[in-house]
Amino acid sequence: MATMPSQYQERLAVLVLARDAARNKGEFLMKRFLTARVASDQYVDSAGPEYLTSPVTKELLELDRYYFQAGVALSSTSTAHKGHGPPSQRAGATKTHPARRHQEGPLPG
């Protein structure tokens, strides 16, 4: 019976543990895919530019990954982003959440 070489089995085990520990699995998988496929480390995860607010609630919205030099932002469409309140009120959020927000300014337009 063929198996993966042990070095790949170990890497896969680490990835599976990280996925299982992730609060939002869809967001985790999207970020892993982007890290593997996009040749850029010029990004910010969980960015929340001050200008990006909900027109209804006026709460800050969150970009799961923001490639600021390219002007590209992505957000997972999982249940963590739908109907569960603003990022500061989601499970696992802390009072320091706003301090982690990206301050590069508006997306290039």
N, C-alpha and C. Protein backbone atom coordinates (compact mmCIF):
# COMPACT_ATOMS: atom_id res chain seq x y z
N MET A 1 0.84 -1.18 0.00
CA MET A 1 0.00 0.00 0.00
C MET A 1 0.89 1.25 0.00
N ALA A 2 0.63 2.13 -0.93
CA ALA A 2 1.43 3.37 -1.04
C ALA A 2 0.97 4.38 0.01
N THR A 3 1.93 5.08 0.54
CA THR A 3 1.63 6.16 1.49
C THR A 3 2.46 7.38 1.13
N MET A 4 2.12 8.50 1.74
CA MET A 4 2.90 9.72 1.53
C MET A 4 4.21 9.60 2.30
N PRO A 5 5.26 10.22 1.78
CA PRO A 5 6.50 10.29 2.56
C PRO A 5 6.23 10.97 3.91
N SER A 6 6.97 10.57 4.93
CA SER A 6 6.70 11.05 6.29
C SER A 6 6.76 12.57 6.40
N GLN A 7 7.64 13.22 5.65
CA GLN A 7 7.72 14.69 5.74
C GLN A 7 6.40 15.35 5.32
N TYR A 8 5.72 14.78 4.33
CA TYR A 8 4.43 15.32 3.89
C TYR A 8 3.31 14.96 4.86
N GLN A 9 3.39 13.77 5.43
CA GLN A 9 2.40 13.38 6.43
C GLN A 9 2.46 14.33 7.62
N GLU A 10 3.67 14.70 8.04
CA GLU A 10 3.83 15.62 9.16
C GLU A 10 3.28 17.00 8.83
N ARG A 11 3.57 17.49 7.63
CA ARG A 11 3.06 18.80 7.22
C ARG A 11 1.54 18.80 7.13
N LEU A 12 0.99 17.70 6.62
CA LEU A 12 -0.46 17.59 6.52
C LEU A 12 -1.09 17.53 7.90
N ALA A 13 -0.48 16.83 8.82
CA ALA A 13 -1.01 16.74 10.19
C ALA A 13 -1.04 18.12 10.85
N VAL A 14 0.00 18.92 10.65
CA VAL A 14 0.03 20.28 11.20
C VAL A 14 -1.08 21.12 10.59
N LEU A 15 -1.26 21.00 9.29
CA LEU A 15 -2.31 21.76 8.60
C LEU A 15 -3.70 21.35 9.09
N VAL A 16 -3.94 20.07 9.26
CA VAL A 16 -5.24 19.59 9.74
C VAL A 16 -5.50 20.09 11.16
N LEU A 17 -4.51 20.07 12.02
CA LEU A 17 -4.67 20.59 13.38
C LEU A 17 -5.00 22.09 13.36
N ALA A 18 -4.31 22.84 12.51
CA ALA A 18 -4.58 24.28 12.41
C ALA A 18 -5.99 24.52 11.88
N ARG A 19 -6.41 23.76 10.88
CA ARG A 19 -7.76 23.90 10.35
C ARG A 19 -8.81 23.59 11.41
N ASP A 20 -8.60 22.52 12.15
CA ASP A 20 -9.56 22.13 13.17
C ASP A 20 -9.64 23.16 14.30
N ALA A 21 -8.55 23.85 14.57
CA ALA A 21 -8.53 24.86 15.64
C ALA A 21 -9.07 26.22 15.16
N ALA A 22 -9.19 26.39 13.86
CA ALA A 22 -9.65 27.68 13.31
C ALA A 22 -11.09 27.95 13.71
N ARG A 23 -11.34 29.18 14.09
CA ARG A 23 -12.70 29.60 14.46
C ARG A 23 -13.61 29.59 13.23
N ASN A 24 -13.09 30.00 12.09
CA ASN A 24 -13.86 30.07 10.86
C ASN A 24 -13.13 29.25 9.80
N LYS A 25 -13.62 28.07 9.53
CA LYS A 25 -12.93 27.15 8.63
C LYS A 25 -12.88 27.65 7.18
N GLY A 26 -13.96 28.27 6.72
CA GLY A 26 -13.96 28.79 5.36
C GLY A 26 -12.92 29.88 5.16
N GLU A 27 -12.83 30.78 6.11
CA GLU A 27 -11.83 31.85 6.05
C GLU A 27 -10.42 31.26 6.11
N PHE A 28 -10.23 30.28 6.99
CA PHE A 28 -8.93 29.62 7.12
C PHE A 28 -8.51 29.01 5.78
N LEU A 29 -9.42 28.26 5.15
CA LEU A 29 -9.10 27.61 3.88
C LEU A 29 -8.83 28.63 2.78
N MET A 30 -9.61 29.71 2.74
CA MET A 30 -9.38 30.74 1.73
C MET A 30 -7.99 31.35 1.89
N LYS A 31 -7.61 31.68 3.12
CA LYS A 31 -6.29 32.29 3.35
C LYS A 31 -5.17 31.32 3.01
N ARG A 32 -5.33 30.04 3.34
CA ARG A 32 -4.31 29.05 3.00
C ARG A 32 -4.17 28.92 1.49
N PHE A 33 -5.30 28.91 0.79
CA PHE A 33 -5.28 28.82 -0.67
C PHE A 33 -4.56 30.04 -1.26
N LEU A 34 -4.91 31.23 -0.77
CA LEU A 34 -4.27 32.45 -1.27
C LEU A 34 -2.77 32.46 -0.99
N THR A 35 -2.38 32.02 0.19
CA THR A 35 -0.96 31.98 0.54
C THR A 35 -0.21 31.05 -0.41
N ALA A 36 -0.84 29.94 -0.78
CA ALA A 36 -0.20 28.98 -1.67
C ALA A 36 -0.18 29.44 -3.12
N ARG A 37 -1.17 30.22 -3.55
CA ARG A 37 -1.32 30.55 -4.97
C ARG A 37 -0.93 31.96 -5.36
N VAL A 38 -0.92 32.91 -4.44
CA VAL A 38 -0.62 34.31 -4.77
C VAL A 38 0.82 34.61 -4.34
N ALA A 39 1.62 35.03 -5.30
CA ALA A 39 3.04 35.29 -5.03
C ALA A 39 3.23 36.70 -4.48
N SER A 40 2.68 36.94 -3.31
CA SER A 40 2.86 38.24 -2.66
C SER A 40 2.72 38.08 -1.15
N ASP A 41 3.60 38.76 -0.44
CA ASP A 41 3.45 38.79 1.01
C ASP A 41 3.05 40.20 1.45
N GLN A 42 2.60 41.00 0.50
CA GLN A 42 2.18 42.37 0.78
C GLN A 42 0.68 42.40 1.04
N TYR A 43 0.26 41.84 2.18
CA TYR A 43 -1.15 41.80 2.52
C TYR A 43 -1.33 41.96 4.02
N VAL A 44 -2.55 42.25 4.39
CA VAL A 44 -2.94 42.34 5.79
C VAL A 44 -4.16 41.45 5.97
N ASP A 45 -4.12 40.58 6.98
CA ASP A 45 -5.28 39.76 7.31
C ASP A 45 -6.15 40.50 8.32
N SER A 46 -7.45 40.30 8.22
CA SER A 46 -8.43 40.90 9.13
C SER A 46 -8.32 42.43 9.16
N ALA A 47 -8.19 43.01 7.98
CA ALA A 47 -8.09 44.46 7.87
C ALA A 47 -9.47 45.09 8.02
N GLY A 48 -9.51 46.26 8.58
CA GLY A 48 -10.77 46.98 8.73
C GLY A 48 -10.55 48.46 8.55
N PRO A 49 -10.34 48.91 7.31
CA PRO A 49 -10.11 50.34 7.08
C PRO A 49 -11.26 51.18 7.64
N GLU A 50 -10.94 52.32 8.19
CA GLU A 50 -11.93 53.18 8.84
C GLU A 50 -13.09 53.57 7.92
N TYR A 51 -12.83 53.67 6.63
CA TYR A 51 -13.87 54.11 5.70
C TYR A 51 -14.85 52.99 5.34
N LEU A 52 -14.53 51.74 5.68
CA LEU A 52 -15.36 50.61 5.27
C LEU A 52 -16.37 50.28 6.36
N THR A 53 -17.57 50.85 6.23
CA THR A 53 -18.60 50.66 7.25
C THR A 53 -19.90 50.17 6.61
N SER A 54 -20.70 49.53 7.42
CA SER A 54 -22.01 49.08 6.98
C SER A 54 -22.92 50.30 6.83
N PRO A 55 -23.60 50.44 5.70
CA PRO A 55 -24.50 51.58 5.54
C PRO A 55 -25.70 51.51 6.48
N VAL A 56 -26.02 50.32 6.96
CA VAL A 56 -27.18 50.14 7.84
C VAL A 56 -26.80 50.36 9.31
N THR A 57 -25.76 49.65 9.76
CA THR A 57 -25.41 49.69 11.19
C THR A 57 -24.32 50.70 11.52
N LYS A 58 -23.59 51.17 10.51
CA LYS A 58 -22.45 52.08 10.67
C LYS A 58 -21.27 51.41 11.37
N GLU A 59 -21.32 50.09 11.54
CA GLU A 59 -20.22 49.34 12.14
C GLU A 59 -19.12 49.14 11.10
N LEU A 60 -17.87 49.06 11.57
CA LEU A 60 -16.76 48.77 10.68
C LEU A 60 -16.91 47.36 10.12
N LEU A 61 -16.60 47.20 8.84
CA LEU A 61 -16.61 45.89 8.20
C LEU A 61 -15.17 45.39 8.12
N GLU A 62 -15.02 44.10 7.93
CA GLU A 62 -13.70 43.50 7.94
C GLU A 62 -13.39 42.84 6.61
N LEU A 63 -12.17 43.04 6.14
CA LEU A 63 -11.66 42.36 4.95
C LEU A 63 -10.80 41.21 5.45
N ASP A 64 -11.09 39.99 5.00
CA ASP A 64 -10.31 38.85 5.49
C ASP A 64 -8.86 38.95 5.04
N ARG A 65 -8.64 39.33 3.80
CA ARG A 65 -7.27 39.55 3.32
C ARG A 65 -7.28 40.75 2.38
N TYR A 66 -6.37 41.67 2.61
CA TYR A 66 -6.26 42.91 1.84
C TYR A 66 -4.86 43.00 1.26
N TYR A 67 -4.73 42.84 -0.06
CA TYR A 67 -3.46 43.02 -0.77
C TYR A 67 -3.38 44.50 -1.11
N PHE A 68 -2.80 45.28 -0.19
CA PHE A 68 -2.87 46.73 -0.29
C PHE A 68 -2.13 47.30 -1.49
N GLN A 69 -1.00 46.74 -1.89
CA GLN A 69 -0.29 47.28 -3.05
C GLN A 69 -1.04 47.02 -4.36
N ALA A 70 -1.76 45.90 -4.42
CA ALA A 70 -2.51 45.56 -5.63
C ALA A 70 -3.91 46.16 -5.61
N GLY A 71 -4.36 46.63 -4.44
CA GLY A 71 -5.71 47.17 -4.33
C GLY A 71 -6.78 46.10 -4.43
N VAL A 72 -6.47 44.90 -3.91
CA VAL A 72 -7.41 43.78 -3.97
C VAL A 72 -7.74 43.34 -2.55
N ALA A 73 -9.03 43.18 -2.29
CA ALA A 73 -9.47 42.71 -0.97
C ALA A 73 -10.42 41.53 -1.16
N LEU A 74 -10.33 40.57 -0.23
CA LEU A 74 -11.19 39.40 -0.29
C LEU A 74 -11.81 39.15 1.08
N SER A 75 -13.01 38.60 1.03
CA SER A 75 -13.69 38.25 2.27
C SER A 75 -14.46 36.96 2.05
N SER A 76 -14.36 36.08 3.00
CA SER A 76 -15.08 34.81 2.95
C SER A 76 -16.57 35.08 3.15
N THR A 77 -17.41 34.27 2.55
CA THR A 77 -18.86 34.44 2.71
C THR A 77 -19.41 33.37 3.64
N SER A 78 -18.78 33.23 4.77
CA SER A 78 -19.20 32.21 5.73
C SER A 78 -20.17 32.78 6.75
N THR A 79 -20.71 31.93 7.59
CA THR A 79 -21.69 32.38 8.59
C THR A 79 -21.09 33.32 9.60
N ALA A 80 -19.78 33.31 9.78
CA ALA A 80 -19.15 34.26 10.72
C ALA A 80 -19.31 35.69 10.23
N HIS A 81 -19.61 35.86 8.96
CA HIS A 81 -19.74 37.20 8.39
C HIS A 81 -21.20 37.58 8.13
N LYS A 82 -22.12 36.68 8.37
CA LYS A 82 -23.52 36.96 8.05
C LYS A 82 -24.38 36.93 9.30
N GLY A 83 -24.92 38.06 9.68
CA GLY A 83 -25.90 38.10 10.74
C GLY A 83 -25.39 37.81 12.14
N HIS A 84 -24.10 37.91 12.33
CA HIS A 84 -23.56 37.62 13.65
C HIS A 84 -22.94 38.85 14.29
N GLY A 85 -23.35 40.01 13.87
CA GLY A 85 -22.87 41.24 14.47
C GLY A 85 -21.56 41.71 13.89
N PRO A 86 -21.10 42.86 14.34
CA PRO A 86 -19.86 43.42 13.85
C PRO A 86 -18.67 42.59 14.32
N PRO A 87 -17.50 42.75 13.67
CA PRO A 87 -16.34 41.96 14.06
C PRO A 87 -16.02 42.04 15.55
N SER A 88 -16.23 43.19 16.17
CA SER A 88 -15.89 43.35 17.58
C SER A 88 -16.79 42.54 18.51
N GLN A 89 -17.93 42.05 17.99
CA GLN A 89 -18.86 41.29 18.82
C GLN A 89 -18.88 39.80 18.47
N ARG A 90 -18.05 39.38 17.54
CA ARG A 90 -18.03 37.97 17.16
C ARG A 90 -17.29 37.15 18.18
N ALA A 91 -17.55 35.87 18.17
CA ALA A 91 -16.86 34.95 19.10
C ALA A 91 -15.36 35.07 18.89
N GLY A 92 -14.63 35.17 19.97
CA GLY A 92 -13.18 35.23 19.91
C GLY A 92 -12.63 36.63 19.75
N ALA A 93 -13.48 37.63 19.53
CA ALA A 93 -12.99 39.00 19.39
C ALA A 93 -12.53 39.51 20.75
N THR A 94 -11.59 40.42 20.71
CA THR A 94 -11.09 41.01 21.95
C THR A 94 -11.23 42.51 21.88
N LYS A 95 -11.02 43.16 22.99
CA LYS A 95 -11.11 44.62 23.01
C LYS A 95 -9.98 45.25 22.22
N THR A 96 -8.92 44.50 21.93
CA THR A 96 -7.80 45.04 21.17
C THR A 96 -8.01 44.91 19.66
N HIS A 97 -9.12 44.32 19.25
CA HIS A 97 -9.38 44.11 17.83
C HIS A 97 -9.20 45.37 16.99
N PRO A 98 -9.76 46.55 17.38
CA PRO A 98 -9.58 47.73 16.54
C PRO A 98 -8.12 48.13 16.36
N ALA A 99 -7.26 47.81 17.32
CA ALA A 99 -5.85 48.17 17.20
C ALA A 99 -5.16 47.38 16.11
N ARG A 100 -5.71 46.23 15.73
CA ARG A 100 -5.11 45.42 14.68
C ARG A 100 -5.55 45.88 13.30
N ARG A 101 -6.42 46.81 13.23
CA ARG A 101 -6.98 47.22 11.96
C ARG A 101 -5.92 47.88 11.07
N HIS A 102 -6.03 47.65 9.80
CA HIS A 102 -5.09 48.17 8.82
C HIS A 102 -5.33 49.67 8.63
N GLN A 103 -4.25 50.42 8.59
CA GLN A 103 -4.39 51.88 8.49
C GLN A 103 -3.75 52.43 7.21
N GLU A 104 -3.64 51.63 6.17
CA GLU A 104 -3.01 52.08 4.92
C GLU A 104 -3.85 53.12 4.18
N GLY A 105 -5.11 53.22 4.49
CA GLY A 105 -5.96 54.17 3.80
C GLY A 105 -6.89 53.47 2.83
N PRO A 106 -7.60 54.23 2.00
CA PRO A 106 -8.60 53.64 1.12
C PRO A 106 -7.96 52.78 0.02
N LEU A 107 -8.76 51.88 -0.50
CA LEU A 107 -8.33 51.08 -1.64
C LEU A 107 -8.10 52.00 -2.82
N PRO A 108 -7.03 51.76 -3.60
CA PRO A 108 -6.82 52.58 -4.79
C PRO A 108 -8.00 52.47 -5.74
N GLY A 109 -8.39 53.56 -6.33
CA GLY A 109 -9.57 53.50 -7.17
C GLY A 109 -9.34 54.10 -8.46
